[in-house]
Amino acid sequence: MTDTILEDWAKRKDAEGVAWFDARDLARLGIPERLMTAMQNVQHTLRLRRSDKVVETQGQLDRFSVCGTE
């Protein structure tokens, strides 16, 4: 799941390195998990990998973003 989201992030990120994901994006990517479950899984995996990317919600409950911290 994390790799699928990161591949899509790389294609869709804006000039600031941010791409938002909502339930429609997860369905489009074939990810059956609920939004917050997917967000937590991606966040946990990125931390375990010591990635330079982070997951943020900025107070939103209907979407999350992946951001590069480079």
PDB file of N, CA and C in Angstrom:
ATOM      1  N   MET A   1       0.817  -1.187   0.000  1.00  0.00           N
ATOM      2  CA  MET A   1       0.000   0.000   0.000  1.00  0.00           C
ATOM      3  C   MET A   1       0.862   1.252   0.000  1.00  0.00           C
ATOM      4  N   THR A   2       1.873   1.291   0.848  1.00  0.00           N
ATOM      5  CA  THR A   2       2.723   2.482   0.934  1.00  0.00           C
ATOM      6  C   THR A   2       3.424   2.748  -0.390  1.00  0.00           C
ATOM      7  N   ASP A   3       3.955   1.710  -0.999  1.00  0.00           N
ATOM      8  CA  ASP A   3       4.651   1.908  -2.273  1.00  0.00           C
ATOM      9  C   ASP A   3       3.699   2.406  -3.358  1.00  0.00           C
ATOM     10  N   THR A   4       2.476   1.899  -3.373  1.00  0.00           N
ATOM     11  CA  THR A   4       1.477   2.359  -4.340  1.00  0.00           C
ATOM     12  C   THR A   4       1.177   3.836  -4.136  1.00  0.00           C
ATOM     13  N   ILE A   5       1.000   4.235  -2.889  1.00  0.00           N
ATOM     14  CA  ILE A   5       0.717   5.643  -2.593  1.00  0.00           C
ATOM     15  C   ILE A   5       1.916   6.512  -2.943  1.00  0.00           C
ATOM     16  N   LEU A   6       3.124   6.040  -2.655  1.00  0.00           N
ATOM     17  CA  LEU A   6       4.315   6.833  -2.977  1.00  0.00           C
ATOM     18  C   LEU A   6       4.507   6.983  -4.487  1.00  0.00           C
ATOM     19  N   GLU A   7       4.196   5.941  -5.239  1.00  0.00           N
ATOM     20  CA  GLU A   7       4.284   6.045  -6.701  1.00  0.00           C
ATOM     21  C   GLU A   7       3.292   7.085  -7.219  1.00  0.00           C
ATOM     22  N   ASP A   8       2.081   7.068  -6.683  1.00  0.00           N
ATOM     23  CA  ASP A   8       1.081   8.048  -7.098  1.00  0.00           C
ATOM     24  C   ASP A   8       1.477   9.446  -6.631  1.00  0.00           C
ATOM     25  N   TRP A   9       2.029   9.553  -5.436  1.00  0.00           N
ATOM     26  CA  TRP A   9       2.514  10.838  -4.914  1.00  0.00           C
ATOM     27  C   TRP A   9       3.551  11.431  -5.865  1.00  0.00           C
ATOM     28  N   ALA A  10       4.484  10.601  -6.335  1.00  0.00           N
ATOM     29  CA  ALA A  10       5.542  11.082  -7.228  1.00  0.00           C
ATOM     30  C   ALA A  10       4.959  11.644  -8.529  1.00  0.00           C
ATOM     31  N   LYS A  11       3.860  11.077  -8.987  1.00  0.00           N
ATOM     32  CA  LYS A  11       3.224  11.544 -10.222  1.00  0.00           C
ATOM     33  C   LYS A  11       2.397  12.806 -10.011  1.00  0.00           C
ATOM     34  N   ARG A  12       1.810  12.949  -8.824  1.00  0.00           N
ATOM     35  CA  ARG A  12       0.830  14.020  -8.609  1.00  0.00           C
ATOM     36  C   ARG A  12       1.296  15.165  -7.714  1.00  0.00           C
ATOM     37  N   LYS A  13       2.453  15.059  -7.110  1.00  0.00           N
ATOM     38  CA  LYS A  13       2.875  16.099  -6.160  1.00  0.00           C
ATOM     39  C   LYS A  13       2.972  17.459  -6.846  1.00  0.00           C
ATOM     40  N   ASP A  14       2.690  18.486  -6.065  1.00  0.00           N
ATOM     41  CA  ASP A  14       2.750  19.841  -6.605  1.00  0.00           C
ATOM     42  C   ASP A  14       4.172  20.396  -6.484  1.00  0.00           C
ATOM     43  N   ALA A  15       4.346  21.650  -6.805  1.00  0.00           N
ATOM     44  CA  ALA A  15       5.674  22.272  -6.779  1.00  0.00           C
ATOM     45  C   ALA A  15       6.292  22.265  -5.385  1.00  0.00           C
ATOM     46  N   GLU A  16       5.451  22.187  -4.369  1.00  0.00           N
ATOM     47  CA  GLU A  16       5.951  22.144  -2.990  1.00  0.00           C
ATOM     48  C   GLU A  16       6.159  20.721  -2.495  1.00  0.00           C
ATOM     49  N   GLY A  17       5.928  19.727  -3.360  1.00  0.00           N
ATOM     50  CA  GLY A  17       6.140  18.333  -2.998  1.00  0.00           C
ATOM     51  C   GLY A  17       5.009  17.712  -2.207  1.00  0.00           C
ATOM     52  N   VAL A  18       3.786  18.236  -2.367  1.00  0.00           N
ATOM     53  CA  VAL A  18       2.632  17.758  -1.604  1.00  0.00           C
ATOM     54  C   VAL A  18       1.590  17.169  -2.546  1.00  0.00           C
ATOM     55  N   ALA A  19       1.016  16.046  -2.154  1.00  0.00           N
ATOM     56  CA  ALA A  19      -0.135  15.472  -2.856  1.00  0.00           C
ATOM     57  C   ALA A  19      -1.123  14.995  -1.804  1.00  0.00           C
ATOM     58  N   TRP A  20      -2.390  15.319  -2.007  1.00  0.00           N
ATOM     59  CA  TRP A  20      -3.450  14.922  -1.080  1.00  0.00           C
ATOM     60  C   TRP A  20      -4.105  13.634  -1.553  1.00  0.00           C
ATOM     61  N   PHE A  21      -4.525  12.807  -0.591  1.00  0.00           N
ATOM     62  CA  PHE A  21      -5.216  11.554  -0.875  1.00  0.00           C
ATOM     63  C   PHE A  21      -6.515  11.525  -0.090  1.00  0.00           C
ATOM     64  N   ASP A  22      -7.604  11.156  -0.772  1.00  0.00           N
ATOM     65  CA  ASP A  22      -8.883  10.980  -0.095  1.00  0.00           C
ATOM     66  C   ASP A  22      -9.413   9.586  -0.442  1.00  0.00           C
ATOM     67  N   ALA A  23     -10.624   9.283  -0.002  1.00  0.00           N
ATOM     68  CA  ALA A  23     -11.188   7.947  -0.212  1.00  0.00           C
ATOM     69  C   ALA A  23     -11.277   7.593  -1.696  1.00  0.00           C
ATOM     70  N   ARG A  24     -11.570   8.578  -2.535  1.00  0.00           N
ATOM     71  CA  ARG A  24     -11.644   8.308  -3.985  1.00  0.00           C
ATOM     72  C   ARG A  24     -10.281   7.912  -4.544  1.00  0.00           C
ATOM     73  N   ASP A  25      -9.224   8.550  -4.045  1.00  0.00           N
ATOM     74  CA  ASP A  25      -7.880   8.193  -4.502  1.00  0.00           C
ATOM     75  C   ASP A  25      -7.527   6.768  -4.094  1.00  0.00           C
ATOM     76  N   LEU A  26      -7.868   6.402  -2.864  1.00  0.00           N
ATOM     77  CA  LEU A  26      -7.583   5.037  -2.418  1.00  0.00           C
ATOM     78  C   LEU A  26      -8.331   4.031  -3.283  1.00  0.00           C
ATOM     79  N   ALA A  27      -9.592   4.301  -3.593  1.00  0.00           N
ATOM     80  CA  ALA A  27     -10.367   3.402  -4.458  1.00  0.00           C
ATOM     81  C   ALA A  27      -9.736   3.323  -5.846  1.00  0.00           C
ATOM     82  N   ARG A  28      -9.313   4.456  -6.376  1.00  0.00           N
ATOM     83  CA  ARG A  28      -8.677   4.497  -7.702  1.00  0.00           C
ATOM     84  C   ARG A  28      -7.404   3.659  -7.725  1.00  0.00           C
ATOM     85  N   LEU A  29      -6.694   3.651  -6.603  1.00  0.00           N
ATOM     86  CA  LEU A  29      -5.442   2.900  -6.505  1.00  0.00           C
ATOM     87  C   LEU A  29      -5.658   1.438  -6.110  1.00  0.00           C
ATOM     88  N   GLY A  30      -6.913   1.053  -5.863  1.00  0.00           N
ATOM     89  CA  GLY A  30      -7.221  -0.328  -5.494  1.00  0.00           C
ATOM     90  C   GLY A  30      -6.880  -0.658  -4.056  1.00  0.00           C
ATOM     91  N   ILE A  31      -6.884   0.341  -3.192  1.00  0.00           N
ATOM     92  CA  ILE A  31      -6.576   0.143  -1.776  1.00  0.00           C
ATOM     93  C   ILE A  31      -7.896   0.069  -1.020  1.00  0.00           C
ATOM     94  N   PRO A  32      -8.228  -1.104  -0.436  1.00  0.00           N
ATOM     95  CA  PRO A  32      -9.541  -1.279   0.186  1.00  0.00           C
ATOM     96  C   PRO A  32      -9.668  -0.702   1.601  1.00  0.00           C
ATOM     97  N   GLU A  33      -8.568  -0.347   2.232  1.00  0.00           N
ATOM     98  CA  GLU A  33      -8.618   0.134   3.605  1.00  0.00           C
ATOM     99  C   GLU A  33      -9.350   1.469   3.715  1.00  0.00           C
ATOM    100  N   ARG A  34      -9.884   1.724   4.894  1.00  0.00           N
ATOM    101  CA  ARG A  34     -10.504   3.019   5.162  1.00  0.00           C
ATOM    102  C   ARG A  34      -9.412   4.075   5.207  1.00  0.00           C
ATOM    103  N   LEU A  35      -9.803   5.307   5.012  1.00  0.00           N
ATOM    104  CA  LEU A  35      -8.850   6.405   4.862  1.00  0.00           C
ATOM    105  C   LEU A  35      -7.890   6.529   6.045  1.00  0.00           C
ATOM    106  N   MET A  36      -8.404   6.583   7.256  1.00  0.00           N
ATOM    107  CA  MET A  36      -7.534   6.780   8.418  1.00  0.00           C
ATOM    108  C   MET A  36      -6.648   5.563   8.672  1.00  0.00           C
ATOM    109  N   THR A  37      -7.153   4.378   8.369  1.00  0.00           N
ATOM    110  CA  THR A  37      -6.335   3.170   8.495  1.00  0.00           C
ATOM    111  C   THR A  37      -5.181   3.223   7.506  1.00  0.00           C
ATOM    112  N   ALA A  38      -5.478   3.590   6.274  1.00  0.00           N
ATOM    113  CA  ALA A  38      -4.429   3.710   5.258  1.00  0.00           C
ATOM    114  C   ALA A  38      -3.412   4.767   5.666  1.00  0.00           C
ATOM    115  N   MET A  39      -3.892   5.904   6.157  1.00  0.00           N
ATOM    116  CA  MET A  39      -2.993   6.979   6.571  1.00  0.00           C
ATOM    117  C   MET A  39      -2.047   6.499   7.673  1.00  0.00           C
ATOM    118  N   GLN A  40      -2.594   5.818   8.676  1.00  0.00           N
ATOM    119  CA  GLN A  40      -1.763   5.334   9.776  1.00  0.00           C
ATOM    120  C   GLN A  40      -0.753   4.300   9.300  1.00  0.00           C
ATOM    121  N   ASN A  41      -1.171   3.415   8.401  1.00  0.00           N
ATOM    122  CA  ASN A  41      -0.252   2.404   7.871  1.00  0.00           C
ATOM    123  C   ASN A  41       0.885   3.046   7.084  1.00  0.00           C
ATOM    124  N   VAL A  42       0.558   4.015   6.246  1.00  0.00           N
ATOM    125  CA  VAL A  42       1.588   4.702   5.460  1.00  0.00           C
ATOM    126  C   VAL A  42       2.528   5.459   6.392  1.00  0.00           C
ATOM    127  N   GLN A  43       1.970   6.170   7.357  1.00  0.00           N
ATOM    128  CA  GLN A  43       2.784   6.929   8.305  1.00  0.00           C
ATOM    129  C   GLN A  43       3.743   6.008   9.059  1.00  0.00           C
ATOM    130  N   HIS A  44       3.239   4.891   9.536  1.00  0.00           N
ATOM    131  CA  HIS A  44       4.064   3.942  10.285  1.00  0.00           C
ATOM    132  C   HIS A  44       5.176   3.373   9.401  1.00  0.00           C
ATOM    133  N   THR A  45       4.829   2.995   8.175  1.00  0.00           N
ATOM    134  CA  THR A  45       5.824   2.432   7.261  1.00  0.00           C
ATOM    135  C   THR A  45       6.908   3.453   6.923  1.00  0.00           C
ATOM    136  N   LEU A  46       6.523   4.699   6.681  1.00  0.00           N
ATOM    137  CA  LEU A  46       7.516   5.736   6.379  1.00  0.00           C
ATOM    138  C   LEU A  46       8.466   5.942   7.559  1.00  0.00           C
ATOM    139  N   ARG A  47       7.932   5.904   8.766  1.00  0.00           N
ATOM    140  CA  ARG A  47       8.796   6.050   9.950  1.00  0.00           C
ATOM    141  C   ARG A  47       9.754   4.882  10.086  1.00  0.00           C
ATOM    142  N   LEU A  48       9.242   3.673   9.862  1.00  0.00           N
ATOM    143  CA  LEU A  48      10.110   2.496   9.947  1.00  0.00           C
ATOM    144  C   LEU A  48      11.228   2.544   8.910  1.00  0.00           C
ATOM    145  N   ARG A  49      10.927   3.084   7.752  1.00  0.00           N
ATOM    146  CA  ARG A  49      11.920   3.197   6.678  1.00  0.00           C
ATOM    147  C   ARG A  49      12.832   4.407   6.860  1.00  0.00           C
ATOM    148  N   ARG A  50      12.560   5.216   7.873  1.00  0.00           N
ATOM    149  CA  ARG A  50      13.301   6.463   8.103  1.00  0.00           C
ATOM    150  C   ARG A  50      13.290   7.326   6.838  1.00  0.00           C
ATOM    151  N   SER A  51      12.108   7.413   6.273  1.00  0.00           N
ATOM    152  CA  SER A  51      11.910   8.133   5.016  1.00  0.00           C
ATOM    153  C   SER A  51      11.992   9.641   5.210  1.00  0.00           C
ATOM    154  N   ASP A  52      12.296  10.338   4.128  1.00  0.00           N
ATOM    155  CA  ASP A  52      12.282  11.801   4.146  1.00  0.00           C
ATOM    156  C   ASP A  52      10.887  12.329   3.798  1.00  0.00           C
ATOM    157  N   LYS A  53       9.911  11.440   3.736  1.00  0.00           N
ATOM    158  CA  LYS A  53       8.527  11.826   3.471  1.00  0.00           C
ATOM    159  C   LYS A  53       7.703  11.649   4.745  1.00  0.00           C
ATOM    160  N   VAL A  54       6.689  12.488   4.906  1.00  0.00           N
ATOM    161  CA  VAL A  54       5.813  12.409   6.071  1.00  0.00           C
ATOM    162  C   VAL A  54       4.358  12.472   5.625  1.00  0.00           C
ATOM    163  N   VAL A  55       3.493  12.002   6.502  1.00  0.00           N
ATOM    164  CA  VAL A  55       2.052  12.069   6.289  1.00  0.00           C
ATOM    165  C   VAL A  55       1.505  13.159   7.197  1.00  0.00           C
ATOM    166  N   GLU A  56       0.646  13.998   6.642  1.00  0.00           N
ATOM    167  CA  GLU A  56       0.030  15.070   7.421  1.00  0.00           C
ATOM    168  C   GLU A  56      -1.457  15.126   7.108  1.00  0.00           C
ATOM    169  N   THR A  57      -2.227  15.633   8.073  1.00  0.00           N
ATOM    170  CA  THR A  57      -3.663  15.834   7.838  1.00  0.00           C
ATOM    171  C   THR A  57      -4.035  17.305   7.895  1.00  0.00           C
ATOM    172  N   GLN A  58      -3.227  18.104   8.537  1.00  0.00           N
ATOM    173  CA  GLN A  58      -3.503  19.534   8.716  1.00  0.00           C
ATOM    174  C   GLN A  58      -4.931  19.752   9.210  1.00  0.00           C
ATOM    175  N   GLY A  59      -5.358  18.892  10.140  1.00  0.00           N
ATOM    176  CA  GLY A  59      -6.677  19.018  10.743  1.00  0.00           C
ATOM    177  C   GLY A  59      -7.824  18.462   9.918  1.00  0.00           C
ATOM    178  N   GLN A  60      -7.539  17.906   8.762  1.00  0.00           N
ATOM    179  CA  GLN A  60      -8.578  17.350   7.888  1.00  0.00           C
ATOM    180  C   GLN A  60      -8.862  15.904   8.290  1.00  0.00           C
ATOM    181  N   LEU A  61     -10.119  15.514   8.291  1.00  0.00           N
ATOM    182  CA  LEU A  61     -10.484  14.132   8.589  1.00  0.00           C
ATOM    183  C   LEU A  61     -10.892  13.359   7.347  1.00  0.00           C
ATOM    184  N   ASP A  62     -10.998  14.049   6.216  1.00  0.00           N
ATOM    185  CA  ASP A  62     -11.442  13.398   4.989  1.00  0.00           C
ATOM    186  C   ASP A  62     -10.327  13.228   3.968  1.00  0.00           C
ATOM    187  N   ARG A  63      -9.098  13.536   4.365  1.00  0.00           N
ATOM    188  CA  ARG A  63      -7.961  13.387   3.451  1.00  0.00           C
ATOM    189  C   ARG A  63      -6.659  13.478   4.237  1.00  0.00           C
ATOM    190  N   PHE A  64      -5.592  13.010   3.600  1.00  0.00           N
ATOM    191  CA  PHE A  64      -4.259  13.175   4.169  1.00  0.00           C
ATOM    192  C   PHE A  64      -3.303  13.497   3.037  1.00  0.00           C
ATOM    193  N   SER A  65      -2.173  14.062   3.398  1.00  0.00           N
ATOM    194  CA  SER A  65      -1.185  14.399   2.383  1.00  0.00           C
ATOM    195  C   SER A  65       0.109  13.664   2.659  1.00  0.00           C
ATOM    196  N   VAL A  66       0.858  13.464   1.597  1.00  0.00           N
ATOM    197  CA  VAL A  66       2.229  12.984   1.704  1.00  0.00           C
ATOM    198  C   VAL A  66       3.092  14.148   1.258  1.00  0.00           C
ATOM    199  N   CYS A  67       4.080  14.462   2.068  1.00  0.00           N
ATOM    200  CA  CYS A  67       4.950  15.604   1.801  1.00  0.00           C
ATOM    201  C   CYS A  67       6.396  15.151   1.850  1.00  0.00           C
ATOM    202  N   GLY A  68       7.193  15.676   0.960  1.00  0.00           N
ATOM    203  CA  GLY A  68       8.625  15.454   1.018  1.00  0.00           C
ATOM    204  C   GLY A  68       9.244  16.454   1.974  1.00  0.00           C
ATOM    205  N   THR A  69      10.199  16.008   2.769  1.00  0.00           N
ATOM    206  CA  THR A  69      10.855  16.917   3.719  1.00  0.00           C
ATOM    207  C   THR A  69      12.265  17.257   3.281  1.00  0.00           C
ATOM    208  N   GLU A  70      12.581  16.969   2.052  1.00  0.00           N
ATOM    209  CA  GLU A  70      13.938  17.199   1.534  1.00  0.00           C
ATOM    210  C   GLU A  70      14.259  18.671   1.511  1.00  0.00           C
TER     211      GLU A  70
END
